[in-house]
Amino acid sequence: MRIDKFLKVSRLVKRRTVAKEMADQGRIKVNDRVVKSSYDVKLGDVIEVGYGTKQIKAKVTDIRDTTKKAEASDLYEIID
């Protein structure tokens, strides 16, 4: 699954177009490497998303095409 779609499905980013723009601006890293929006997410990847001054670091624990809002947090685990 593409990184922009994963971020939208997991609710880490509200809209896929916003996730795509963030990736194209270099604000998304996977395993300490800047990635484009077409990057293919795998289980165990560590994703870093930069929201202005705030950084979120999450490990991918599951990949699904769709989720309900309550189940979205099951797709990742926040890392300090």
N, C-alpha and C. Protein backbone atom coordinates (compact mmCIF):
# COMPACT_ATOMS: atom_id res chain seq x y z
N MET A 1 0.85 -1.17 0.00
CA MET A 1 0.00 0.00 0.00
C MET A 1 0.90 1.24 0.00
N ARG A 2 0.50 2.25 -0.76
CA ARG A 2 1.25 3.50 -0.84
C ARG A 2 1.23 4.23 0.51
N ILE A 3 2.31 4.96 0.78
CA ILE A 3 2.42 5.68 2.06
C ILE A 3 1.31 6.70 2.24
N ASP A 4 0.93 7.41 1.17
CA ASP A 4 -0.11 8.42 1.31
C ASP A 4 -1.46 7.78 1.67
N LYS A 5 -1.75 6.63 1.07
CA LYS A 5 -3.01 5.94 1.41
C LYS A 5 -2.96 5.37 2.83
N PHE A 6 -1.81 4.81 3.24
CA PHE A 6 -1.69 4.27 4.59
C PHE A 6 -1.91 5.36 5.64
N LEU A 7 -1.31 6.53 5.43
CA LEU A 7 -1.46 7.62 6.39
C LEU A 7 -2.91 8.05 6.51
N LYS A 8 -3.65 8.02 5.40
CA LYS A 8 -5.06 8.39 5.42
C LYS A 8 -5.90 7.32 6.12
N VAL A 9 -5.68 6.04 5.76
CA VAL A 9 -6.45 4.94 6.34
C VAL A 9 -6.19 4.82 7.84
N SER A 10 -4.93 5.06 8.26
CA SER A 10 -4.59 4.95 9.68
C SER A 10 -4.96 6.20 10.47
N ARG A 11 -5.44 7.23 9.77
CA ARG A 11 -5.87 8.49 10.38
C ARG A 11 -4.72 9.29 10.99
N LEU A 12 -3.47 9.01 10.57
CA LEU A 12 -2.35 9.84 11.00
C LEU A 12 -2.39 11.18 10.28
N VAL A 13 -2.94 11.18 9.06
CA VAL A 13 -3.17 12.40 8.29
C VAL A 13 -4.63 12.35 7.83
N LYS A 14 -5.29 13.49 7.88
CA LYS A 14 -6.73 13.53 7.63
C LYS A 14 -7.13 13.21 6.19
N ARG A 15 -6.35 13.72 5.22
CA ARG A 15 -6.70 13.52 3.81
C ARG A 15 -5.51 12.98 3.04
N ARG A 16 -5.81 12.15 2.04
CA ARG A 16 -4.75 11.55 1.23
C ARG A 16 -3.99 12.61 0.43
N THR A 17 -4.69 13.61 -0.06
CA THR A 17 -4.01 14.66 -0.83
C THR A 17 -3.02 15.42 0.05
N VAL A 18 -3.37 15.63 1.31
CA VAL A 18 -2.46 16.29 2.25
C VAL A 18 -1.25 15.40 2.50
N ALA A 19 -1.47 14.09 2.66
CA ALA A 19 -0.38 13.15 2.88
C ALA A 19 0.56 13.13 1.67
N LYS A 20 0.00 13.19 0.47
CA LYS A 20 0.81 13.21 -0.75
C LYS A 20 1.66 14.47 -0.81
N GLU A 21 1.07 15.60 -0.51
CA GLU A 21 1.81 16.87 -0.51
C GLU A 21 2.94 16.84 0.53
N MET A 22 2.65 16.30 1.72
CA MET A 22 3.67 16.22 2.77
C MET A 22 4.85 15.36 2.32
N ALA A 23 4.55 14.23 1.67
CA ALA A 23 5.61 13.34 1.19
C ALA A 23 6.43 14.03 0.10
N ASP A 24 5.77 14.72 -0.80
CA ASP A 24 6.47 15.41 -1.88
C ASP A 24 7.33 16.57 -1.37
N GLN A 25 6.98 17.12 -0.20
CA GLN A 25 7.77 18.19 0.42
C GLN A 25 8.91 17.65 1.28
N GLY A 26 8.98 16.32 1.43
CA GLY A 26 10.06 15.72 2.21
C GLY A 26 9.80 15.69 3.70
N ARG A 27 8.54 15.79 4.13
CA ARG A 27 8.21 15.81 5.55
C ARG A 27 7.84 14.44 6.10
N ILE A 28 7.97 13.38 5.27
CA ILE A 28 7.68 12.02 5.73
C ILE A 28 8.92 11.16 5.52
N LYS A 29 9.33 10.49 6.62
CA LYS A 29 10.47 9.58 6.57
C LYS A 29 10.01 8.18 6.93
N VAL A 30 10.62 7.19 6.30
CA VAL A 30 10.39 5.79 6.66
C VAL A 30 11.76 5.18 6.90
N ASN A 31 11.95 4.62 8.08
CA ASN A 31 13.24 4.04 8.48
C ASN A 31 14.39 5.03 8.25
N ASP A 32 14.18 6.28 8.68
CA ASP A 32 15.17 7.37 8.60
C ASP A 32 15.55 7.78 7.19
N ARG A 33 14.69 7.48 6.21
CA ARG A 33 14.92 7.93 4.83
C ARG A 33 13.70 8.71 4.36
N VAL A 34 13.92 9.86 3.72
CA VAL A 34 12.82 10.64 3.16
C VAL A 34 12.25 9.84 1.98
N VAL A 35 10.90 9.74 1.94
CA VAL A 35 10.25 8.96 0.88
C VAL A 35 9.25 9.81 0.10
N LYS A 36 8.96 9.36 -1.10
CA LYS A 36 7.93 9.99 -1.94
C LYS A 36 6.58 9.33 -1.61
N SER A 37 5.50 9.90 -2.13
CA SER A 37 4.16 9.41 -1.83
C SER A 37 3.91 8.02 -2.40
N SER A 38 4.72 7.57 -3.35
CA SER A 38 4.51 6.25 -3.96
C SER A 38 5.21 5.13 -3.20
N TYR A 39 5.90 5.44 -2.10
CA TYR A 39 6.60 4.42 -1.32
C TYR A 39 5.63 3.33 -0.86
N ASP A 40 6.05 2.07 -0.97
CA ASP A 40 5.22 0.93 -0.59
C ASP A 40 5.48 0.57 0.88
N VAL A 41 4.48 0.74 1.74
CA VAL A 41 4.60 0.49 3.17
C VAL A 41 4.64 -1.01 3.45
N LYS A 42 5.54 -1.42 4.38
CA LYS A 42 5.64 -2.82 4.78
C LYS A 42 5.48 -2.93 6.29
N LEU A 43 5.11 -4.10 6.77
CA LEU A 43 5.00 -4.32 8.21
C LEU A 43 6.36 -4.09 8.86
N GLY A 44 6.36 -3.42 10.00
CA GLY A 44 7.59 -3.15 10.73
C GLY A 44 8.27 -1.84 10.37
N ASP A 45 7.81 -1.17 9.31
CA ASP A 45 8.38 0.14 8.94
C ASP A 45 8.14 1.15 10.06
N VAL A 46 9.11 2.03 10.28
CA VAL A 46 8.96 3.12 11.25
C VAL A 46 8.76 4.40 10.45
N ILE A 47 7.59 5.01 10.62
CA ILE A 47 7.21 6.21 9.86
C ILE A 47 7.34 7.43 10.76
N GLU A 48 7.98 8.48 10.25
CA GLU A 48 8.07 9.76 10.95
C GLU A 48 7.34 10.80 10.11
N VAL A 49 6.37 11.47 10.72
CA VAL A 49 5.59 12.49 10.02
C VAL A 49 5.83 13.82 10.72
N GLY A 50 6.23 14.83 9.94
CA GLY A 50 6.50 16.15 10.49
C GLY A 50 5.34 17.10 10.26
N TYR A 51 4.71 17.53 11.36
CA TYR A 51 3.62 18.51 11.33
C TYR A 51 4.16 19.84 11.85
N GLY A 52 4.77 20.63 11.04
CA GLY A 52 5.32 21.90 11.51
C GLY A 52 6.38 21.68 12.57
N THR A 53 6.06 22.00 13.83
CA THR A 53 7.02 21.84 14.92
C THR A 53 6.90 20.48 15.61
N LYS A 54 5.86 19.72 15.31
CA LYS A 54 5.60 18.45 15.98
C LYS A 54 5.99 17.27 15.08
N GLN A 55 6.62 16.26 15.65
CA GLN A 55 6.99 15.05 14.94
C GLN A 55 6.26 13.87 15.56
N ILE A 56 5.70 13.00 14.72
CA ILE A 56 5.08 11.76 15.21
C ILE A 56 5.85 10.60 14.61
N LYS A 57 6.21 9.65 15.46
CA LYS A 57 6.95 8.47 15.03
C LYS A 57 6.09 7.25 15.35
N ALA A 58 5.81 6.42 14.33
CA ALA A 58 4.93 5.27 14.52
C ALA A 58 5.47 4.06 13.77
N LYS A 59 5.29 2.89 14.37
CA LYS A 59 5.69 1.63 13.75
C LYS A 59 4.46 0.96 13.15
N VAL A 60 4.56 0.51 11.91
CA VAL A 60 3.45 -0.14 11.21
C VAL A 60 3.26 -1.54 11.79
N THR A 61 2.06 -1.82 12.30
CA THR A 61 1.78 -3.15 12.87
C THR A 61 0.78 -3.94 12.05
N ASP A 62 0.04 -3.26 11.16
CA ASP A 62 -0.95 -3.94 10.33
C ASP A 62 -1.22 -3.07 9.10
N ILE A 63 -1.61 -3.71 8.00
CA ILE A 63 -1.93 -2.98 6.78
C ILE A 63 -3.30 -3.46 6.31
N ARG A 64 -4.24 -2.53 6.19
CA ARG A 64 -5.59 -2.84 5.69
C ARG A 64 -6.01 -1.77 4.70
N ASP A 65 -6.85 -2.15 3.74
CA ASP A 65 -7.33 -1.18 2.74
C ASP A 65 -8.31 -0.18 3.34
N THR A 66 -9.13 -0.63 4.28
CA THR A 66 -10.10 0.26 4.92
C THR A 66 -10.18 -0.10 6.41
N THR A 67 -10.54 0.89 7.22
CA THR A 67 -10.76 0.65 8.65
C THR A 67 -11.85 1.57 9.15
N LYS A 68 -12.44 1.15 10.25
CA LYS A 68 -13.37 2.04 10.94
C LYS A 68 -12.54 2.97 11.82
N LYS A 69 -13.11 4.08 12.20
CA LYS A 69 -12.38 5.08 12.99
C LYS A 69 -11.83 4.47 14.29
N ALA A 70 -12.60 3.63 14.95
CA ALA A 70 -12.19 3.04 16.22
C ALA A 70 -11.03 2.05 16.05
N GLU A 71 -10.91 1.45 14.86
CA GLU A 71 -9.87 0.44 14.63
C GLU A 71 -8.62 1.03 13.98
N ALA A 72 -8.63 2.30 13.61
CA ALA A 72 -7.51 2.91 12.89
C ALA A 72 -6.21 2.86 13.68
N SER A 73 -6.28 3.02 14.98
CA SER A 73 -5.06 3.02 15.79
C SER A 73 -4.44 1.63 15.92
N ASP A 74 -5.14 0.58 15.48
CA ASP A 74 -4.58 -0.77 15.50
C ASP A 74 -3.54 -0.97 14.40
N LEU A 75 -3.48 -0.07 13.43
CA LEU A 75 -2.56 -0.19 12.30
C LEU A 75 -1.14 0.25 12.63
N TYR A 76 -0.96 0.96 13.74
CA TYR A 76 0.36 1.47 14.10
C TYR A 76 0.52 1.52 15.61
N GLU A 77 1.79 1.69 16.01
CA GLU A 77 2.12 1.81 17.43
C GLU A 77 3.03 3.04 17.56
N ILE A 78 2.63 4.00 18.38
CA ILE A 78 3.40 5.23 18.56
C ILE A 78 4.70 4.92 19.31
N ILE A 79 5.81 5.49 18.81
CA ILE A 79 7.12 5.32 19.43
C ILE A 79 7.56 6.66 19.98
N ASP A 80 8.13 6.66 21.17
CA ASP A 80 8.62 7.91 21.78
C ASP A 80 9.93 8.34 21.20
